[in-house]
Amino acid sequence: MLLMKELDRTSTIRLQRFYIRRAYRILPAAILFMLVVFVIFWHELRWYHMAAAALYLANYDFTHPWFLGHLWSLSVQEQFYFLWPSVLKKWHHHGVLIGIAAIAAAPIFRVACHFLGTH
C-alpha cells in the first residue's frame, strides 16, 4: 500500500528508501531477539539454525528449535518484501493481474509440492 501511494504521488518507487525504512523498522528488534536467543540457547543450536535465522530463511529450516519459531513468519514476510516491491516497480501497470496470477498459482504450487514430497 505504501509503495502504491508513493507511485501515485511521485510516479516512481524508490526501492532503496523502502528497504532502508524496512531495515530500521525490523532489524533492531530482530537482531536483539536473535542475540538473546543465541546466547541463552547456544548449546542447543547448530550453525545452520543461526544462519537461517540471521538470513531470514527460518521458514526453510524445518528442524529449527521451538525458540526460533518466532522468526518463521518474519522470514516469510521479509522474503515477500524482497520480491514484491521489485515486481511492483517493474510491472506496476500490471499489478492487479500479477496479484491475481500469484493468488491463483499458490494453491497449484502447494499441491505440486505435496505430490513431489517437499514441504
C-alpha atoms as a PDB file:
ATOM      1  CA  MET A   1       0.000   0.000   0.000  1.00  0.00           C
ATOM      2  CA  LEU A   2       2.808   2.404   0.865  1.00  0.00           C
ATOM      3  CA  LEU A   3       4.535   1.644  -2.405  1.00  0.00           C
ATOM      4  CA  MET A   4       1.361   2.286  -4.372  1.00  0.00           C
ATOM      5  CA  LYS A   5       0.884   5.627  -2.590  1.00  0.00           C
ATOM      6  CA  GLU A   6       4.467   6.554  -3.383  1.00  0.00           C
ATOM      7  CA  LEU A   7       3.930   5.565  -7.004  1.00  0.00           C
ATOM      8  CA  ASP A   8       0.800   7.703  -7.226  1.00  0.00           C
ATOM      9  CA  ARG A   9       2.487  10.638  -5.515  1.00  0.00           C
ATOM     10  CA  THR A  10       5.874  10.627  -7.273  1.00  0.00           C
ATOM     11  CA  SER A  11       5.327   8.402 -10.344  1.00  0.00           C
ATOM     12  CA  THR A  12       8.183   6.193  -9.196  1.00  0.00           C
ATOM     13  CA  ILE A  13       9.131   3.732  -6.485  1.00  0.00           C
ATOM     14  CA  ARG A  14      12.429   4.204  -4.690  1.00  0.00           C
ATOM     15  CA  LEU A  15      13.358   0.723  -3.568  1.00  0.00           C
ATOM     16  CA  GLN A  16      16.462   1.852  -1.712  1.00  0.00           C
ATOM     17  CA  ARG A  17      14.406   4.153   0.549  1.00  0.00           C
ATOM     18  CA  PHE A  18      11.806   1.427   1.027  1.00  0.00           C
ATOM     19  CA  TYR A  19      14.395  -1.131   2.129  1.00  0.00           C
ATOM     20  CA  ILE A  20      16.164   1.344   4.419  1.00  0.00           C
ATOM     21  CA  ARG A  21      12.879   2.201   6.151  1.00  0.00           C
ATOM     22  CA  ARG A  22      12.105  -1.501   6.419  1.00  0.00           C
ATOM     23  CA  ALA A  23      15.537  -2.248   7.928  1.00  0.00           C
ATOM     24  CA  TYR A  24      15.175   0.492  10.552  1.00  0.00           C
ATOM     25  CA  ARG A  25      11.775  -0.888  11.482  1.00  0.00           C
ATOM     26  CA  ILE A  26      12.633  -4.609  11.674  1.00  0.00           C
ATOM     27  CA  LEU A  27      16.368  -5.153  12.186  1.00  0.00           C
ATOM     28  CA  PRO A  28      16.913  -3.688  15.679  1.00  0.00           C
ATOM     29  CA  ALA A  29      14.279  -5.867  17.336  1.00  0.00           C
ATOM     30  CA  ALA A  30      15.149  -8.954  15.263  1.00  0.00           C
ATOM     31  CA  ILE A  31      18.876  -8.660  15.970  1.00  0.00           C
ATOM     32  CA  LEU A  32      18.284  -8.148  19.683  1.00  0.00           C
ATOM     33  CA  PHE A  33      15.977 -11.175  19.791  1.00  0.00           C
ATOM     34  CA  MET A  34      18.487 -13.349  17.913  1.00  0.00           C
ATOM     35  CA  LEU A  35      21.400 -12.262  20.104  1.00  0.00           C
ATOM     36  CA  VAL A  36      19.496 -13.057  23.297  1.00  0.00           C
ATOM     37  CA  VAL A  37      18.313 -16.426  21.952  1.00  0.00           C
ATOM     38  CA  PHE A  38      21.760 -17.330  20.603  1.00  0.00           C
ATOM     39  CA  VAL A  39      23.364 -16.577  23.987  1.00  0.00           C
ATOM     40  CA  ILE A  40      20.744 -18.332  26.099  1.00  0.00           C
ATOM     41  CA  PHE A  41      20.326 -21.420  23.909  1.00  0.00           C
ATOM     42  CA  TRP A  42      23.820 -21.655  22.380  1.00  0.00           C
ATOM     43  CA  HIS A  43      24.222 -25.285  23.474  1.00  0.00           C
ATOM     44  CA  GLU A  44      21.061 -26.368  21.605  1.00  0.00           C
ATOM     45  CA  LEU A  45      21.763 -24.523  18.352  1.00  0.00           C
ATOM     46  CA  ARG A  46      23.601 -25.641  15.263  1.00  0.00           C
ATOM     47  CA  TRP A  47      25.314 -23.201  12.943  1.00  0.00           C
ATOM     48  CA  TYR A  48      22.658 -23.669  10.259  1.00  0.00           C
ATOM     49  CA  HIS A  49      19.866 -22.704  12.688  1.00  0.00           C
ATOM     50  CA  MET A  50      21.643 -19.444  13.431  1.00  0.00           C
ATOM     51  CA  ALA A  51      22.409 -18.821   9.753  1.00  0.00           C
ATOM     52  CA  ALA A  52      18.802 -19.451   8.738  1.00  0.00           C
ATOM     53  CA  ALA A  53      17.577 -17.096  11.449  1.00  0.00           C
ATOM     54  CA  ALA A  54      20.061 -14.343  10.589  1.00  0.00           C
ATOM     55  CA  LEU A  55      19.385 -14.569   6.842  1.00  0.00           C
ATOM     56  CA  TYR A  56      15.576 -14.648   7.214  1.00  0.00           C
ATOM     57  CA  LEU A  57      15.398 -18.226   5.978  1.00  0.00           C
ATOM     58  CA  ALA A  58      13.890 -19.750   9.122  1.00  0.00           C
ATOM     59  CA  ASN A  59      10.895 -20.971   7.124  1.00  0.00           C
ATOM     60  CA  TYR A  60      13.242 -23.278   5.192  1.00  0.00           C
ATOM     61  CA  ASP A  61      14.890 -24.654   8.339  1.00  0.00           C
ATOM     62  CA  PHE A  62      12.420 -27.448   9.057  1.00  0.00           C
ATOM     63  CA  THR A  63      14.391 -28.687  12.070  1.00  0.00           C
ATOM     64  CA  HIS A  64      14.648 -25.339  13.861  1.00  0.00           C
ATOM     65  CA  PRO A  65      14.249 -25.400  17.632  1.00  0.00           C
ATOM     66  CA  TRP A  66      10.988 -24.103  19.079  1.00  0.00           C
ATOM     67  CA  PHE A  67      12.534 -20.860  20.335  1.00  0.00           C
ATOM     68  CA  LEU A  68      13.381 -19.800  16.773  1.00  0.00           C
ATOM     69  CA  GLY A  69       9.821 -20.439  15.630  1.00  0.00           C
ATOM     70  CA  HIS A  70       9.044 -16.747  16.091  1.00  0.00           C
ATOM     71  CA  LEU A  71      11.275 -15.979  13.145  1.00  0.00           C
ATOM     72  CA  TRP A  72       9.289 -18.169  10.744  1.00  0.00           C
ATOM     73  CA  SER A  73       6.643 -15.561   9.957  1.00  0.00           C
ATOM     74  CA  LEU A  74       9.229 -12.781   9.859  1.00  0.00           C
ATOM     75  CA  SER A  75      11.208 -14.785   7.295  1.00  0.00           C
ATOM     76  CA  VAL A  76       8.153 -15.236   5.088  1.00  0.00           C
ATOM     77  CA  GLN A  77       7.355 -11.548   5.387  1.00  0.00           C
ATOM     78  CA  GLU A  78      10.886 -10.419   4.549  1.00  0.00           C
ATOM     79  CA  GLN A  79      11.055 -12.752   1.542  1.00  0.00           C
ATOM     80  CA  PHE A  80       7.780 -11.263   0.328  1.00  0.00           C
ATOM     81  CA  TYR A  81       9.113  -7.730   0.780  1.00  0.00           C
ATOM     82  CA  PHE A  82      12.301  -8.685  -1.010  1.00  0.00           C
ATOM     83  CA  LEU A  83      10.413  -9.883  -4.082  1.00  0.00           C
ATOM     84  CA  TRP A  84       7.155  -7.949  -4.341  1.00  0.00           C
ATOM     85  CA  PRO A  85       8.459  -4.320  -4.458  1.00  0.00           C
ATOM     86  CA  SER A  86      10.770  -5.192  -7.346  1.00  0.00           C
ATOM     87  CA  VAL A  87       7.913  -6.833  -9.218  1.00  0.00           C
ATOM     88  CA  LEU A  88       5.676  -3.865  -8.484  1.00  0.00           C
ATOM     89  CA  LYS A  89       8.278  -1.350  -9.631  1.00  0.00           C
ATOM     90  CA  LYS A  90       8.986  -3.140 -12.889  1.00  0.00           C
ATOM     91  CA  TRP A  91       5.441  -4.119 -13.803  1.00  0.00           C
ATOM     92  CA  HIS A  92       3.240  -1.725 -11.807  1.00  0.00           C
ATOM     93  CA  HIS A  93       0.890  -1.307 -14.771  1.00  0.00           C
ATOM     94  CA  HIS A  94       0.075  -4.994 -14.485  1.00  0.00           C
ATOM     95  CA  GLY A  95      -0.014  -5.123 -10.666  1.00  0.00           C
ATOM     96  CA  VAL A  96      -3.594  -6.377 -10.377  1.00  0.00           C
ATOM     97  CA  LEU A  97      -3.024  -9.086 -12.986  1.00  0.00           C
ATOM     98  CA  ILE A  98       0.206 -10.200 -11.296  1.00  0.00           C
ATOM     99  CA  GLY A  99      -1.532 -10.297  -7.912  1.00  0.00           C
ATOM    100  CA  ILE A 100      -4.368 -12.417  -9.283  1.00  0.00           C
ATOM    101  CA  ALA A 101      -1.906 -14.745 -11.001  1.00  0.00           C
ATOM    102  CA  ALA A 102       0.092 -15.157  -7.765  1.00  0.00           C
ATOM    103  CA  ILE A 103      -3.046 -15.917  -5.789  1.00  0.00           C
ATOM    104  CA  ALA A 104      -4.187 -18.429  -8.410  1.00  0.00           C
ATOM    105  CA  ALA A 105      -0.765 -20.084  -8.683  1.00  0.00           C
ATOM    106  CA  ALA A 106      -0.217 -20.515  -4.928  1.00  0.00           C
ATOM    107  CA  PRO A 107      -2.625 -23.447  -4.422  1.00  0.00           C
ATOM    108  CA  ILE A 108      -1.370 -25.139  -7.581  1.00  0.00           C
ATOM    109  CA  PHE A 109       2.210 -24.778  -6.355  1.00  0.00           C
ATOM    110  CA  ARG A 110       1.214 -26.138  -2.939  1.00  0.00           C
ATOM    111  CA  VAL A 111      -0.439 -29.219  -4.441  1.00  0.00           C
ATOM    112  CA  ALA A 112       2.569 -29.804  -6.703  1.00  0.00           C
ATOM    113  CA  CYS A 113       4.890 -29.607  -3.672  1.00  0.00           C
ATOM    114  CA  HIS A 114       2.707 -32.107  -1.836  1.00  0.00           C
ATOM    115  CA  PHE A 115       2.863 -34.619  -4.680  1.00  0.00           C
ATOM    116  CA  LEU A 116       6.614 -34.078  -5.085  1.00  0.00           C
ATOM    117  CA  GLY A 117       7.095 -34.800  -1.392  1.00  0.00           C
ATOM    118  CA  THR A 118       8.551 -31.397  -0.484  1.00  0.00           C
ATOM    119  CA  HIS A 119       7.494 -29.327   2.490  1.00  0.00           C
END
